[in-house]
Amino acid sequence: MLTICVALPTMAFAECNVKFAWTPQGKTDDIAGYMIFCREKGKDYNYHEPIWEGDNTFFQCTINGLDQSKTYYFVIRAVDRNDNQ
């Protein structure tokens, strides 16, 4: 599991985008896809609702519409074909 933390600068009512790119590691035959989860500082991750999902051909994505006045944390998870994250 890859964990990425991003701190965004303060700027009231401005939106920003964050682009992620990753390289699969090890054996990838069993990977069904990837999910990205997001939380705001001081809150918990909701691992039942990813903010992005892609199959095993996607190795980058852009998360749009983030509030620059908040700090966000992200987790990228590979999902295997047996639905184990």
Protein backbone atom coordinates (compact mmCIF):
# COMPACT_ATOMS: atom_id res chain seq x y z
CA MET A 1 0.00 0.00 0.00
CA LEU A 2 1.30 3.42 -0.93
CA THR A 3 0.43 6.36 1.31
CA ILE A 4 0.76 9.90 0.04
CA CYS A 5 0.24 12.98 2.19
CA VAL A 6 -0.38 16.33 0.59
CA ALA A 7 -0.59 19.70 2.34
CA LEU A 8 -2.26 22.39 0.28
CA PRO A 9 -1.67 26.12 0.83
CA THR A 10 -4.39 28.25 2.37
CA MET A 11 -6.45 30.26 -0.08
CA ALA A 12 -10.11 30.89 0.71
CA PHE A 13 -12.72 29.53 -1.71
CA ALA A 14 -10.16 28.45 -4.28
CA GLU A 15 -10.25 25.01 -5.82
CA CYS A 16 -7.24 22.97 -6.79
CA ASN A 17 -6.40 19.70 -8.47
CA VAL A 18 -3.90 17.05 -7.42
CA LYS A 19 -2.36 14.65 -9.93
CA PHE A 20 -1.09 11.24 -8.82
CA ALA A 21 1.09 8.82 -10.78
CA TRP A 22 2.53 5.53 -9.55
CA THR A 23 4.51 2.55 -10.77
CA PRO A 24 3.24 -0.93 -9.88
CA GLN A 25 5.69 -2.95 -7.83
CA GLY A 26 6.20 -6.70 -7.90
CA LYS A 27 3.79 -9.17 -9.50
CA THR A 28 0.89 -7.31 -11.08
CA ASP A 29 -1.03 -10.23 -12.65
CA ASP A 30 -3.35 -10.44 -9.64
CA ILE A 31 -4.12 -6.70 -9.48
CA ALA A 32 -7.66 -5.89 -10.57
CA GLY A 33 -7.25 -2.13 -10.21
CA TYR A 34 -6.55 0.77 -7.90
CA MET A 35 -8.54 2.93 -5.49
CA ILE A 36 -7.70 6.30 -3.99
CA PHE A 37 -9.12 7.35 -0.65
CA CYS A 38 -9.05 10.86 0.76
CA ARG A 39 -9.59 12.47 4.12
CA GLU A 40 -9.36 15.97 5.48
CA LYS A 41 -7.00 16.72 8.34
CA GLY A 42 -8.58 15.66 11.63
CA LYS A 43 -11.05 13.25 9.97
CA ASP A 44 -11.01 9.51 9.24
CA TYR A 45 -10.70 7.71 5.92
CA ASN A 46 -13.88 6.11 4.60
CA TYR A 47 -12.55 2.93 2.99
CA HIS A 48 -16.04 2.11 1.67
CA GLU A 49 -16.10 5.16 -0.63
CA PRO A 50 -13.02 5.76 -2.78
CA ILE A 51 -12.79 9.15 -4.46
CA TRP A 52 -11.27 7.47 -7.53
CA GLU A 53 -11.23 3.96 -8.99
CA GLY A 54 -9.45 2.58 -12.02
CA ASP A 55 -8.68 -0.82 -13.50
CA ASN A 56 -5.19 -2.29 -13.73
CA THR A 57 -4.35 -0.23 -16.84
CA PHE A 58 -4.49 3.10 -14.96
CA PHE A 59 -1.34 4.34 -13.20
CA GLN A 60 -2.28 8.00 -12.85
CA CYS A 61 -5.29 10.15 -12.09
CA THR A 62 -6.28 13.70 -11.19
CA ILE A 63 -8.48 14.59 -8.22
CA ASN A 64 -10.39 17.78 -8.98
CA GLY A 65 -12.25 20.35 -6.91
CA LEU A 66 -10.25 20.26 -3.68
CA ASP A 67 -10.55 23.24 -1.35
CA GLN A 68 -7.17 24.94 -1.01
CA SER A 69 -8.01 26.11 2.50
CA LYS A 70 -7.99 22.49 3.75
CA THR A 71 -5.26 19.90 4.25
CA TYR A 72 -5.91 16.52 2.64
CA TYR A 73 -4.33 13.09 3.03
CA PHE A 74 -4.53 10.33 0.43
CA VAL A 75 -4.08 6.57 0.28
CA ILE A 76 -3.65 4.66 -2.98
CA ARG A 77 -4.49 0.97 -2.73
CA ALA A 78 -4.04 -1.84 -5.20
CA VAL A 79 -7.02 -4.20 -5.28
CA ASP A 80 -6.33 -7.83 -6.09
CA ARG A 81 -8.64 -9.99 -8.14
CA ASN A 82 -9.91 -11.67 -4.95
CA ASP A 83 -11.16 -8.27 -3.66
CA ASN A 84 -8.47 -8.08 -0.98
CA GLN A 85 -6.94 -4.63 -0.62
